[in-house]
Structures are given as structure tokens and as C-alpha cells.
Amino acid sequence: MRHLSKQKKFGRTMNQRNALLNGLVRSLIERERIVTTEVKAKSLRPRVEKIITKGKVKNLSTVRYLHSLLNPKNAKKVYDVLSPRYQSRPGGYTKIMKMPPRKSDGASMAIIELIK
């Protein structure tokens, strides 16, 4: 039964799944726009939004938290660039736009981007 288990598994173990999503988080923060499958984009959205919300409060504990999740360049970008950009916004920092399916396997594709 799938009671209270909202997370998609992507056919991977927990460690592989976390590595995949952490890599997507880093790419999205670095580039601010990535193309991925629709399901991965929907799983990625809450992680990125929580990171940006944490970055809004710039104190020692949040800086250390961001540096533990991201590389130093991306962590600095979160608390110096992204979080001040969304300071007055209560949430909803990302936008997912659907694309045509991938030709090779027909997977539904999407663009996920940080809104300006």
C-alpha cells in the first residue's frame, strides 16, 4: 500500500534517488533553468523551494546548512542572489512548463525554471 508515501522512486534505490535529485537541485540553482522529465521536475520543486526559503534568513546556521547541501558557489548564490530576489514572495519560486515528449522513449518532458 502507498499510504502517505508521496515520493516517486524513479526505479532507483534511496541513495541513487537522493543523488539524482541533489544533482538536479545544484544544476537548477546554477543555471536557473533546466530541461528534465516532468516527474523529476515535480519532485525537484519542493526541494528547491525549501532551500531558497531557508536562504531568506541569513544567519550562521542557515549558511552552514546551505554549504552542507550545495557547493560553496551555489550556496553563496542562494543567500546572496536568489533569496533577496524572492524576499517579499511567500513561496512559489519555480515554474514548470510542459514540452513535447522525448522522441527516443516518449517520456513527458518539462522545463523547470526559477521565476524572475
N, C-alpha and C. Protein backbone atom coordinates (compact mmCIF):
# COMPACT_ATOMS: atom_id res chain seq x y z
N MET A 1 0.83 -1.18 0.00
CA MET A 1 0.00 0.00 0.00
C MET A 1 0.88 1.25 0.00
N ARG A 2 0.34 2.32 -0.58
CA ARG A 2 1.12 3.54 -0.73
C ARG A 2 0.63 4.65 0.19
N HIS A 3 0.14 4.31 1.35
CA HIS A 3 -0.36 5.34 2.25
C HIS A 3 0.77 6.26 2.68
N LEU A 4 0.54 7.57 2.54
CA LEU A 4 1.46 8.62 2.99
C LEU A 4 2.84 8.56 2.34
N SER A 5 2.97 7.89 1.21
CA SER A 5 4.27 7.89 0.51
C SER A 5 4.08 8.62 -0.81
N LYS A 6 4.39 9.91 -0.80
CA LYS A 6 4.17 10.75 -1.97
C LYS A 6 5.37 10.78 -2.91
N GLN A 7 6.51 10.35 -2.43
CA GLN A 7 7.74 10.48 -3.20
C GLN A 7 7.81 9.43 -4.31
N LYS A 8 8.18 9.86 -5.50
CA LYS A 8 8.39 8.94 -6.62
C LYS A 8 9.73 8.25 -6.44
N LYS A 9 9.83 7.02 -6.92
CA LYS A 9 11.04 6.25 -6.69
C LYS A 9 11.98 6.22 -7.89
N PHE A 10 11.50 6.50 -9.08
CA PHE A 10 12.31 6.54 -10.30
C PHE A 10 13.04 5.24 -10.58
N GLY A 11 12.62 4.14 -10.01
CA GLY A 11 13.28 2.86 -10.23
C GLY A 11 14.69 2.81 -9.67
N ARG A 12 14.95 3.56 -8.62
CA ARG A 12 16.28 3.65 -8.03
C ARG A 12 16.20 3.39 -6.53
N THR A 13 17.37 3.07 -5.96
CA THR A 13 17.43 2.95 -4.51
C THR A 13 17.42 4.34 -3.89
N MET A 14 17.28 4.41 -2.58
CA MET A 14 17.18 5.70 -1.90
C MET A 14 18.42 6.56 -2.13
N ASN A 15 19.60 5.97 -2.04
CA ASN A 15 20.83 6.74 -2.23
C ASN A 15 20.95 7.27 -3.65
N GLN A 16 20.61 6.43 -4.63
CA GLN A 16 20.67 6.86 -6.02
C GLN A 16 19.65 7.96 -6.30
N ARG A 17 18.47 7.82 -5.72
CA ARG A 17 17.41 8.81 -5.90
C ARG A 17 17.81 10.15 -5.29
N ASN A 18 18.39 10.12 -4.10
CA ASN A 18 18.83 11.37 -3.47
C ASN A 18 19.96 12.01 -4.25
N ALA A 19 20.88 11.21 -4.78
CA ALA A 19 21.98 11.76 -5.58
C ALA A 19 21.44 12.41 -6.86
N LEU A 20 20.47 11.77 -7.49
CA LEU A 20 19.86 12.31 -8.70
C LEU A 20 19.20 13.66 -8.42
N LEU A 21 18.39 13.71 -7.38
CA LEU A 21 17.67 14.95 -7.08
C LEU A 21 18.61 16.05 -6.58
N ASN A 22 19.64 15.68 -5.82
CA ASN A 22 20.61 16.69 -5.39
C ASN A 22 21.37 17.27 -6.57
N GLY A 23 21.70 16.44 -7.53
CA GLY A 23 22.36 16.94 -8.74
C GLY A 23 21.45 17.87 -9.53
N LEU A 24 20.16 17.53 -9.61
CA LEU A 24 19.22 18.41 -10.30
C LEU A 24 19.04 19.73 -9.56
N VAL A 25 19.04 19.68 -8.23
CA VAL A 25 18.94 20.92 -7.43
C VAL A 25 20.14 21.82 -7.73
N ARG A 26 21.33 21.24 -7.71
CA ARG A 26 22.54 22.03 -7.98
C ARG A 26 22.50 22.64 -9.38
N SER A 27 22.07 21.85 -10.36
CA SER A 27 22.00 22.36 -11.74
C SER A 27 20.99 23.48 -11.87
N LEU A 28 19.84 23.33 -11.22
CA LEU A 28 18.81 24.36 -11.32
C LEU A 28 19.27 25.66 -10.66
N ILE A 29 19.91 25.56 -9.52
CA ILE A 29 20.38 26.77 -8.85
C ILE A 29 21.48 27.44 -9.67
N GLU A 30 22.34 26.65 -10.27
CA GLU A 30 23.44 27.20 -11.05
C GLU A 30 22.95 27.84 -12.34
N ARG A 31 22.06 27.16 -13.07
CA ARG A 31 21.64 27.63 -14.40
C ARG A 31 20.31 28.39 -14.38
N GLU A 32 19.52 28.20 -13.34
CA GLU A 32 18.20 28.80 -13.15
C GLU A 32 17.15 28.29 -14.13
N ARG A 33 17.50 27.35 -14.98
CA ARG A 33 16.54 26.74 -15.91
C ARG A 33 17.13 25.45 -16.44
N ILE A 34 16.39 24.33 -16.29
CA ILE A 34 16.86 23.07 -16.81
C ILE A 34 15.71 22.33 -17.49
N VAL A 35 16.06 21.43 -18.38
CA VAL A 35 15.10 20.57 -19.06
C VAL A 35 15.25 19.17 -18.49
N THR A 36 14.15 18.60 -18.02
CA THR A 36 14.17 17.26 -17.44
C THR A 36 12.81 16.63 -17.68
N THR A 37 12.61 15.42 -17.18
CA THR A 37 11.29 14.81 -17.32
C THR A 37 10.31 15.51 -16.38
N GLU A 38 9.05 15.39 -16.71
CA GLU A 38 8.02 16.09 -15.94
C GLU A 38 7.96 15.59 -14.50
N VAL A 39 8.10 14.28 -14.29
CA VAL A 39 8.02 13.72 -12.95
C VAL A 39 9.21 14.17 -12.11
N LYS A 40 10.40 14.21 -12.70
CA LYS A 40 11.57 14.68 -11.96
C LYS A 40 11.42 16.16 -11.60
N ALA A 41 10.86 16.95 -12.51
CA ALA A 41 10.66 18.36 -12.24
C ALA A 41 9.69 18.56 -11.08
N LYS A 42 8.64 17.76 -11.04
CA LYS A 42 7.67 17.88 -9.95
C LYS A 42 8.26 17.43 -8.62
N SER A 43 9.18 16.47 -8.64
CA SER A 43 9.83 16.04 -7.41
C SER A 43 10.89 17.04 -6.97
N LEU A 44 11.45 17.76 -7.92
CA LEU A 44 12.51 18.72 -7.65
C LEU A 44 11.99 20.01 -7.03
N ARG A 45 10.79 20.40 -7.41
CA ARG A 45 10.24 21.69 -6.98
C ARG A 45 10.24 21.90 -5.47
N PRO A 46 9.72 20.98 -4.64
CA PRO A 46 9.72 21.25 -3.20
C PRO A 46 11.11 21.37 -2.60
N ARG A 47 12.07 20.60 -3.10
CA ARG A 47 13.43 20.68 -2.57
C ARG A 47 14.04 22.05 -2.81
N VAL A 48 13.89 22.55 -4.02
CA VAL A 48 14.48 23.85 -4.37
C VAL A 48 13.80 24.97 -3.59
N GLU A 49 12.48 24.89 -3.48
CA GLU A 49 11.77 25.96 -2.78
C GLU A 49 12.12 25.99 -1.30
N LYS A 50 12.34 24.84 -0.68
CA LYS A 50 12.74 24.81 0.72
C LYS A 50 14.13 25.40 0.91
N ILE A 51 15.03 25.13 -0.04
CA ILE A 51 16.38 25.68 0.05
C ILE A 51 16.35 27.21 -0.05
N ILE A 52 15.58 27.73 -0.99
CA ILE A 52 15.51 29.18 -1.16
C ILE A 52 14.85 29.83 0.05
N THR A 53 13.83 29.20 0.60
CA THR A 53 13.17 29.73 1.79
C THR A 53 14.13 29.75 2.97
N LYS A 54 14.94 28.71 3.12
CA LYS A 54 15.95 28.69 4.19
C LYS A 54 16.94 29.83 4.01
N GLY A 55 17.32 30.10 2.75
CA GLY A 55 18.30 31.13 2.47
C GLY A 55 17.81 32.54 2.76
N LYS A 56 16.51 32.73 2.92
CA LYS A 56 15.98 34.06 3.21
C LYS A 56 16.46 34.59 4.55
N VAL A 57 16.67 33.68 5.50
CA VAL A 57 17.18 34.07 6.81
C VAL A 57 18.68 33.82 6.80
N LYS A 58 19.46 34.88 6.66
CA LYS A 58 20.91 34.70 6.55
C LYS A 58 21.55 34.80 7.93
N ASN A 59 21.74 33.64 8.54
CA ASN A 59 22.49 33.57 9.79
C ASN A 59 23.46 32.40 9.68
N LEU A 60 24.25 32.20 10.68
CA LEU A 60 25.31 31.20 10.61
C LEU A 60 24.77 29.80 10.38
N SER A 61 23.67 29.45 11.04
CA SER A 61 23.16 28.08 10.89
C SER A 61 22.63 27.82 9.48
N THR A 62 21.95 28.80 8.87
CA THR A 62 21.45 28.57 7.52
C THR A 62 22.59 28.57 6.50
N VAL A 63 23.61 29.38 6.71
CA VAL A 63 24.77 29.36 5.81
C VAL A 63 25.45 28.00 5.88
N ARG A 64 25.62 27.46 7.07
CA ARG A 64 26.23 26.14 7.21
C ARG A 64 25.35 25.06 6.59
N TYR A 65 24.03 25.18 6.76
CA TYR A 65 23.10 24.22 6.19
C TYR A 65 23.20 24.22 4.66
N LEU A 66 23.21 25.42 4.07
CA LEU A 66 23.30 25.52 2.61
C LEU A 66 24.63 24.99 2.09
N HIS A 67 25.71 25.24 2.83
CA HIS A 67 27.01 24.73 2.41
C HIS A 67 27.09 23.21 2.54
N SER A 68 26.29 22.62 3.43
CA SER A 68 26.29 21.16 3.54
C SER A 68 25.53 20.53 2.39
N LEU A 69 24.53 21.23 1.83
CA LEU A 69 23.75 20.68 0.73
C LEU A 69 24.36 20.98 -0.64
N LEU A 70 24.91 22.17 -0.79
CA LEU A 70 25.36 22.65 -2.10
C LEU A 70 26.85 22.91 -2.08
N ASN A 71 27.42 23.10 -3.27
CA ASN A 71 28.82 23.51 -3.30
C ASN A 71 28.89 24.99 -2.91
N PRO A 72 30.05 25.48 -2.52
CA PRO A 72 30.15 26.86 -2.00
C PRO A 72 29.65 27.92 -2.96
N LYS A 73 29.88 27.74 -4.26
CA LYS A 73 29.45 28.73 -5.24
C LYS A 73 27.92 28.83 -5.29
N ASN A 74 27.24 27.67 -5.31
CA ASN A 74 25.78 27.67 -5.35
C ASN A 74 25.18 28.14 -4.04
N ALA A 75 25.78 27.77 -2.91
CA ALA A 75 25.27 28.22 -1.62
C ALA A 75 25.35 29.74 -1.52
N LYS A 76 26.45 30.31 -1.97
CA LYS A 76 26.61 31.77 -1.96
C LYS A 76 25.57 32.42 -2.87
N LYS A 77 25.29 31.79 -4.00
CA LYS A 77 24.29 32.33 -4.92
C LYS A 77 22.90 32.32 -4.28
N VAL A 78 22.61 31.28 -3.51
CA VAL A 78 21.30 31.19 -2.87
C VAL A 78 21.11 32.32 -1.88
N TYR A 79 22.06 32.54 -0.97
CA TYR A 79 21.81 33.55 0.05
C TYR A 79 22.23 34.96 -0.36
N ASP A 80 22.94 35.13 -1.47
CA ASP A 80 23.28 36.48 -1.93
C ASP A 80 22.41 36.97 -3.09
N VAL A 81 21.95 36.06 -3.96
CA VAL A 81 21.23 36.46 -5.16
C VAL A 81 19.77 36.02 -5.13
N LEU A 82 19.54 34.70 -4.95
CA LEU A 82 18.18 34.17 -5.10
C LEU A 82 17.26 34.55 -3.94
N SER A 83 17.71 34.38 -2.72
CA SER A 83 16.84 34.67 -1.59
C SER A 83 16.44 36.16 -1.51
N PRO A 84 17.37 37.10 -1.73
CA PRO A 84 16.92 38.51 -1.75
C PRO A 84 15.94 38.80 -2.89
N ARG A 85 16.06 38.09 -4.00
CA ARG A 85 15.15 38.28 -5.13
C ARG A 85 13.72 37.94 -4.73
N TYR A 86 13.56 36.92 -3.89
CA TYR A 86 12.23 36.45 -3.50
C TYR A 86 11.87 36.84 -2.07
N GLN A 87 12.49 37.86 -1.52
CA GLN A 87 12.28 38.23 -0.12
C GLN A 87 10.83 38.56 0.18
N SER A 88 10.16 39.25 -0.73
CA SER A 88 8.77 39.65 -0.48
C SER A 88 7.77 38.59 -0.95
N ARG A 89 8.25 37.53 -1.54
CA ARG A 89 7.37 36.48 -2.08
C ARG A 89 7.23 35.36 -1.06
N PRO A 90 6.00 34.91 -0.75
CA PRO A 90 5.83 33.88 0.28
C PRO A 90 6.11 32.45 -0.19
N GLY A 91 6.34 32.23 -1.45
CA GLY A 91 6.61 30.88 -1.95
C GLY A 91 6.38 30.86 -3.45
N GLY A 92 6.50 29.70 -4.05
CA GLY A 92 6.27 29.58 -5.48
C GLY A 92 7.37 30.21 -6.31
N TYR A 93 8.60 29.77 -6.08
CA TYR A 93 9.75 30.36 -6.76
C TYR A 93 10.06 29.69 -8.09
N THR A 94 9.42 28.56 -8.38
CA THR A 94 9.72 27.83 -9.60
C THR A 94 8.48 27.75 -10.49
N LYS A 95 8.74 27.53 -11.76
CA LYS A 95 7.67 27.37 -12.74
C LYS A 95 8.00 26.16 -13.59
N ILE A 96 7.03 25.29 -13.82
CA ILE A 96 7.21 24.10 -14.64
C ILE A 96 6.37 24.27 -15.90
N MET A 97 7.03 24.18 -17.06
CA MET A 97 6.34 24.28 -18.35
C MET A 97 6.51 22.97 -19.09
N LYS A 98 5.42 22.42 -19.57
CA LYS A 98 5.47 21.15 -20.28
C LYS A 98 6.02 21.34 -21.69
N MET A 99 6.70 20.30 -22.17
CA MET A 99 7.28 20.28 -23.51
C MET A 99 6.74 19.05 -24.25
N PRO A 100 6.99 18.96 -25.54
CA PRO A 100 6.60 17.73 -26.25
C PRO A 100 7.39 16.54 -25.72
N PRO A 101 6.86 15.33 -25.89
CA PRO A 101 7.55 14.15 -25.37
C PRO A 101 8.89 13.93 -26.05
N ARG A 102 9.78 13.26 -25.34
CA ARG A 102 11.10 12.93 -25.87
C ARG A 102 10.93 11.91 -26.99
N LYS A 103 11.68 12.08 -28.09
CA LYS A 103 11.50 11.21 -29.25
C LYS A 103 11.95 9.79 -28.99
N SER A 104 13.01 9.61 -28.21
CA SER A 104 13.59 8.27 -28.07
C SER A 104 12.67 7.32 -27.31
N ASP A 105 12.10 7.78 -26.19
CA ASP A 105 11.29 6.86 -25.39
C ASP A 105 9.90 7.40 -25.07
N GLY A 106 9.57 8.59 -25.54
CA GLY A 106 8.24 9.13 -25.34
C GLY A 106 7.99 9.68 -23.95
N ALA A 107 9.05 9.90 -23.16
CA ALA A 107 8.88 10.43 -21.81
C ALA A 107 8.39 11.87 -21.88
N SER A 108 7.45 12.23 -21.02
CA SER A 108 6.95 13.60 -21.00
C SER A 108 8.03 14.51 -20.41
N MET A 109 8.39 15.53 -21.14
CA MET A 109 9.47 16.43 -20.75
C MET A 109 8.90 17.75 -20.25
N ALA A 110 9.71 18.45 -19.45
CA ALA A 110 9.29 19.73 -18.90
C ALA A 110 10.52 20.61 -18.68
N ILE A 111 10.28 21.90 -18.68
CA ILE A 111 11.30 22.89 -18.31
C ILE A 111 10.94 23.38 -16.92
N ILE A 112 11.88 23.33 -16.01
CA ILE A 112 11.67 23.91 -14.69
C ILE A 112 12.63 25.08 -14.57
N GLU A 113 12.10 26.23 -14.15
CA GLU A 113 12.93 27.42 -14.05
C GLU A 113 12.55 28.23 -12.83
N LEU A 114 13.50 29.00 -12.37
CA LEU A 114 13.25 29.95 -11.28
C LEU A 114 12.64 31.19 -11.90
N ILE A 115 11.53 31.65 -11.34
CA ILE A 115 10.88 32.81 -11.93
C ILE A 115 11.67 34.06 -11.59
N LYS A 116 11.55 35.06 -12.42
CA LYS A 116 12.32 36.30 -12.27
C LYS A 116 11.63 37.26 -11.35
